[in-house]
């Protein structure tokens, strides 16, 4: 918690620096013209959503600061959204080496697109509309059903911290579980006894696939009738919503 508060203060401090930069030399943004909010949202979800909460992007991770909360304070103190864009672009291009944020493999244009979307969306009530509403597909499909002894799962291909299903069903006995990941973000699939949702709970973990950013991996386990939780073991992913319920009959 202290780390998240500290990170939020750093963002607010950066806002003050950005204000001075704008006042002294005009626009601080490097991206310039032809900014795309749609591309910014797509890139944000894929590159930043695993760490940050931003309601309009449907990301709920808590590794880094909650961008809605952090920038709501900045906006309430009179900083404009153009200042927020400058802060985010600066943070992407020159991350704090002492913090958790990595240097992302993004071009200046991509950083500017992300910054513009965060500036548009942060602490803004409601939901995105038009092209922004469909830029990132939540990808939640009907429940997965076991077929011929195999039950298939897939990570959200666009980078959301989620599987493409929230529920699954299977028949008791030996079963092969497959986990496909096309997102480029490290995920896996673990099976735990009980329905503990976003928290770890006390149920036994019966098996898990390796953590990987791509490919399809499989495990074989034996399941008894009951309710289980499938989830991702990468730190922060389960709490951010990457879990579901498996019912075995």
Protein backbone atom coordinates (compact mmCIF):
# COMPACT_ATOMS: atom_id res chain seq x y z
CA UNK A 1 0.00 0.00 0.00
CA UNK A 2 2.80 2.41 0.93
CA UNK A 3 4.47 1.72 -2.42
CA UNK A 4 1.26 2.56 -4.30
CA UNK A 5 0.82 5.79 -2.32
CA UNK A 6 4.42 6.72 -3.01
CA UNK A 7 3.94 6.04 -6.72
CA UNK A 8 0.85 8.22 -6.77
CA UNK A 9 2.76 11.05 -5.13
CA UNK A 10 5.46 10.69 -7.77
CA UNK A 11 2.83 11.11 -10.48
CA UNK A 12 1.44 14.19 -8.79
CA UNK A 13 4.94 15.55 -8.40
CA UNK A 14 5.54 14.92 -12.07
CA UNK A 15 2.40 16.93 -12.78
CA UNK A 16 3.94 19.96 -11.17
CA UNK A 17 7.08 19.55 -13.25
CA UNK A 18 4.99 19.19 -16.39
CA UNK A 19 3.10 22.39 -15.61
CA UNK A 20 6.37 24.28 -15.37
CA UNK A 21 7.55 22.76 -18.63
CA UNK A 22 4.36 23.77 -20.39
CA UNK A 23 4.53 27.26 -19.02
CA UNK A 24 8.15 27.72 -19.99
CA UNK A 25 8.23 26.19 -23.43
CA UNK A 26 4.77 25.38 -24.71
CA UNK A 27 3.57 21.85 -25.40
CA UNK A 28 5.68 19.16 -23.70
CA UNK A 29 4.39 16.29 -25.81
CA UNK A 30 6.68 14.57 -28.27
CA UNK A 31 3.98 12.68 -30.13
CA UNK A 32 2.72 15.78 -31.87
CA UNK A 33 0.12 15.20 -34.55
CA UNK A 34 -2.01 12.26 -35.63
CA UNK A 35 -2.59 10.86 -32.15
CA UNK A 36 -4.89 7.81 -32.07
CA UNK A 37 -6.97 7.24 -28.95
CA UNK A 38 -8.06 3.85 -30.31
CA UNK A 39 -4.46 2.68 -30.73
CA UNK A 40 -3.66 4.23 -27.37
CA UNK A 41 -6.31 2.13 -25.65
CA UNK A 42 -5.17 -1.07 -27.37
CA UNK A 43 -1.53 -0.40 -26.47
CA UNK A 44 -2.42 0.59 -22.90
CA UNK A 45 -4.30 -2.65 -22.23
CA UNK A 46 -1.51 -4.77 -23.73
CA UNK A 47 1.45 -2.98 -22.14
CA UNK A 48 0.13 -1.24 -19.02
CA UNK A 49 -3.07 -3.01 -18.00
CA UNK A 50 -1.20 -5.78 -16.19
CA UNK A 51 -0.04 -3.22 -13.58
CA UNK A 52 -2.54 -0.34 -13.50
CA UNK A 53 -6.22 0.22 -12.86
CA UNK A 54 -8.00 2.38 -15.44
CA UNK A 55 -11.77 1.95 -15.36
CA UNK A 56 -12.53 2.92 -18.95
CA UNK A 57 -9.97 0.40 -20.20
CA UNK A 58 -11.46 -2.31 -17.91
CA UNK A 59 -8.09 -2.93 -16.26
CA UNK A 60 -8.01 -3.57 -12.52
CA UNK A 61 -4.42 -4.50 -11.65
CA UNK A 62 -2.86 -3.10 -8.46
CA UNK A 63 0.88 -3.52 -8.98
CA UNK A 64 1.29 0.12 -10.00
CA UNK A 65 -0.77 3.17 -9.05
CA UNK A 66 -4.47 3.34 -9.78
CA UNK A 67 -4.46 5.90 -12.59
CA UNK A 68 -8.04 7.01 -11.98
CA UNK A 69 -7.30 7.78 -8.33
CA UNK A 70 -3.92 9.34 -8.97
CA UNK A 71 -5.05 11.68 -11.71
CA UNK A 72 -8.40 12.52 -10.07
CA UNK A 73 -6.34 14.27 -7.41
CA UNK A 74 -4.28 16.05 -10.07
CA UNK A 75 -7.41 17.20 -11.91
CA UNK A 76 -9.00 18.40 -8.67
CA UNK A 77 -5.90 20.51 -8.08
CA UNK A 78 -6.34 22.21 -11.44
CA UNK A 79 -4.02 20.29 -13.75
CA UNK A 80 -5.43 19.93 -17.26
CA UNK A 81 -5.62 16.67 -19.17
CA UNK A 82 -2.90 17.86 -21.54
CA UNK A 83 -0.60 17.92 -18.52
CA UNK A 84 -1.59 14.34 -17.67
CA UNK A 85 -0.70 13.30 -21.21
CA UNK A 86 2.75 14.84 -20.78
CA UNK A 87 3.27 13.06 -17.46
CA UNK A 88 2.32 9.65 -18.85
CA UNK A 89 4.47 10.06 -21.95
CA UNK A 90 7.42 11.05 -19.79
CA UNK A 91 6.89 8.09 -17.46
CA UNK A 92 6.78 5.66 -20.40
CA UNK A 93 9.89 7.00 -22.10
CA UNK A 94 11.89 7.62 -18.91
CA UNK A 95 10.64 5.22 -16.21
CA UNK A 96 11.96 5.52 -12.69
CA UNK A 97 14.81 3.00 -12.50
CA UNK A 98 14.22 2.61 -8.76
CA UNK A 99 10.59 1.59 -9.23
CA UNK A 100 8.73 -1.39 -10.69
CA UNK A 101 7.91 0.12 -14.07
CA UNK A 102 10.04 -1.39 -16.85
CA UNK A 103 11.29 0.34 -19.97
CA UNK A 104 8.64 -0.65 -22.50
CA UNK A 105 9.58 -1.51 -26.11
CA UNK A 106 7.46 1.29 -27.57
CA UNK A 107 8.08 3.95 -30.20
CA UNK A 108 7.65 7.64 -29.41
CA UNK A 109 4.40 7.58 -31.39
CA UNK A 110 3.08 4.60 -29.43
CA UNK A 111 3.98 6.27 -26.13
CA UNK A 112 2.13 9.38 -27.26
CA UNK A 113 -0.95 7.34 -28.19
CA UNK A 114 -1.01 5.67 -24.76
CA UNK A 115 -0.48 9.00 -23.03
CA UNK A 116 -3.33 10.60 -24.96
CA UNK A 117 -5.72 7.78 -24.08
CA UNK A 118 -4.83 7.84 -20.38
CA UNK A 119 -5.28 11.61 -20.36
CA UNK A 120 -8.69 11.19 -22.00
CA UNK A 121 -9.87 8.31 -19.78
CA UNK A 122 -8.39 8.84 -16.31
CA UNK A 123 -10.96 9.69 -13.62
CA UNK A 124 -13.61 10.19 -16.31
CA UNK A 125 -17.02 8.77 -15.36
CA UNK A 126 -18.90 6.47 -17.70
CA UNK A 127 -17.74 4.07 -20.40
CA UNK A 128 -16.04 4.51 -23.74
CA UNK A 129 -18.31 4.82 -26.77
CA UNK A 130 -17.98 4.41 -30.53
CA UNK A 131 -14.71 2.96 -31.82
CA UNK A 132 -13.15 3.18 -28.37
CA UNK A 133 -15.84 0.90 -26.96
CA UNK A 134 -14.89 -1.88 -29.38
CA UNK A 135 -11.12 -1.26 -29.51
CA UNK A 136 -10.47 -3.99 -26.96
CA UNK A 137 -12.69 -7.06 -26.87
CA UNK A 138 -13.20 -8.48 -23.40
CA UNK A 139 -13.40 -11.84 -25.18
CA UNK A 140 -15.67 -13.48 -22.58
CA UNK A 141 -17.18 -16.51 -24.29
CA UNK A 142 -19.80 -19.07 -23.17
CA UNK A 143 -18.57 -21.58 -20.56
CA UNK A 144 -15.85 -23.99 -21.68
CA UNK A 145 -17.04 -27.60 -21.85
CA UNK A 146 -14.91 -30.72 -21.65
CA UNK A 147 -14.77 -32.69 -24.89
CA UNK A 148 -13.29 -36.19 -25.17
CA UNK A 149 -11.41 -35.78 -21.91
CA UNK A 150 -9.90 -32.39 -22.75
CA UNK A 151 -10.86 -28.97 -21.41
CA UNK A 152 -9.37 -25.98 -23.23
CA UNK A 153 -8.65 -22.53 -21.80
CA UNK A 154 -7.21 -19.42 -23.45
CA UNK A 155 -5.85 -16.13 -22.13
CA UNK A 156 -7.46 -12.96 -23.45
CA UNK A 157 -5.50 -12.41 -26.69
CA UNK A 158 -5.53 -8.62 -26.43
CA UNK A 159 -3.76 -8.42 -23.11
CA UNK A 160 -6.55 -8.07 -20.56
CA UNK A 161 -5.85 -9.95 -17.35
CA UNK A 162 -8.55 -12.53 -18.00
CA UNK A 163 -9.30 -15.82 -19.64
CA UNK A 164 -11.75 -15.95 -22.51
CA UNK A 165 -14.18 -17.80 -20.22
CA UNK A 166 -15.27 -17.27 -16.61
CA UNK A 167 -16.89 -20.68 -16.20
CA UNK A 168 -16.14 -24.24 -17.25
CA UNK A 169 -17.67 -27.70 -16.78
CA UNK A 170 -16.20 -31.20 -16.83
CA UNK A 171 -16.92 -34.82 -15.91
CA UNK A 172 -15.21 -36.38 -12.90
CA UNK A 173 -12.14 -38.47 -13.64
CA UNK A 174 -8.85 -38.04 -15.51
CA UNK A 175 -8.75 -34.90 -17.65
CA UNK A 176 -6.30 -32.95 -19.79
CA UNK A 177 -6.35 -29.17 -19.34
CA UNK A 178 -4.84 -27.02 -22.07
CA UNK A 179 -3.87 -23.37 -21.78
CA UNK A 180 -3.29 -21.27 -24.91
CA UNK A 181 -1.72 -17.83 -24.71
CA UNK A 182 -1.47 -15.53 -27.74
CA UNK A 183 -1.26 -12.26 -25.79
CA UNK A 184 2.51 -11.93 -25.42
CA UNK A 185 2.00 -11.46 -21.66
CA UNK A 186 3.16 -14.16 -19.26
CA UNK A 187 0.26 -16.26 -17.91
CA UNK A 188 -0.50 -19.79 -16.82
CA UNK A 189 -3.41 -21.94 -15.64
CA UNK A 190 -3.69 -23.40 -12.15
CA UNK A 191 -6.50 -25.47 -10.63
CA UNK A 192 -7.42 -25.09 -6.95
CA UNK A 193 -9.98 -26.97 -4.89
CA UNK A 194 -12.92 -24.77 -3.89
CA UNK A 195 -14.47 -21.57 -5.16
CA UNK A 196 -12.23 -18.88 -3.67
CA UNK A 197 -12.49 -16.31 -6.47
CA UNK A 198 -9.90 -13.55 -6.53
CA UNK A 199 -8.17 -14.60 -3.29
CA UNK A 200 -5.82 -17.53 -2.83
CA UNK A 201 -7.97 -19.44 -0.35
CA UNK A 202 -6.91 -22.61 1.47
CA UNK A 203 -7.81 -25.27 -1.10
CA UNK A 204 -5.12 -27.52 -2.51
CA UNK A 205 -3.60 -26.60 -5.87
CA UNK A 206 -3.94 -29.75 -7.96
CA UNK A 207 -1.76 -28.72 -10.87
CA UNK A 208 -0.62 -25.88 -13.09
CA UNK A 209 0.85 -25.21 -16.51
CA UNK A 210 4.18 -23.39 -16.84
CA UNK A 211 4.14 -19.60 -16.92
CA UNK A 212 4.66 -18.54 -20.51
CA UNK A 213 3.98 -15.56 -22.78
CA UNK A 214 3.00 -17.69 -25.78
CA UNK A 215 2.07 -21.15 -26.98
CA UNK A 216 -0.15 -23.93 -25.67
CA UNK A 217 0.67 -26.01 -22.60
CA UNK A 218 -1.18 -28.94 -21.06
CA UNK A 219 -1.46 -30.76 -17.75
CA UNK A 220 -3.20 -33.99 -16.80
CA UNK A 221 -5.00 -34.26 -13.46
CA UNK A 222 -7.84 -36.26 -11.92
CA UNK A 223 -10.86 -34.37 -10.66
CA UNK A 224 -13.58 -35.42 -8.23
CA UNK A 225 -17.12 -34.00 -8.34
CA UNK A 226 -17.17 -30.50 -6.89
CA UNK A 227 -16.28 -26.86 -7.53
CA UNK A 228 -12.79 -25.64 -8.39
CA UNK A 229 -11.13 -22.33 -9.22
CA UNK A 230 -8.98 -21.91 -12.30
CA UNK A 231 -6.61 -18.95 -12.13
CA UNK A 232 -3.31 -17.41 -13.22
CA UNK A 233 -0.38 -17.67 -10.79
CA UNK A 234 1.51 -14.62 -12.05
CA UNK A 235 1.57 -12.16 -9.10
CA UNK A 236 -1.34 -9.73 -9.24
CA UNK A 237 -3.19 -11.41 -12.11
CA UNK A 238 -5.69 -13.37 -10.03
CA UNK A 239 -6.54 -10.34 -7.92
CA UNK A 240 -7.03 -8.34 -11.13
CA UNK A 241 -9.67 -10.79 -12.36
CA UNK A 242 -7.83 -13.64 -14.06
CA UNK A 243 -9.81 -16.50 -12.55
CA UNK A 244 -12.99 -18.49 -13.05
CA UNK A 245 -15.07 -21.38 -11.74
CA UNK A 246 -14.83 -25.00 -12.87
CA UNK A 247 -17.77 -27.26 -11.97
CA UNK A 248 -17.13 -31.01 -12.09
CA UNK A 249 -20.02 -33.50 -12.06
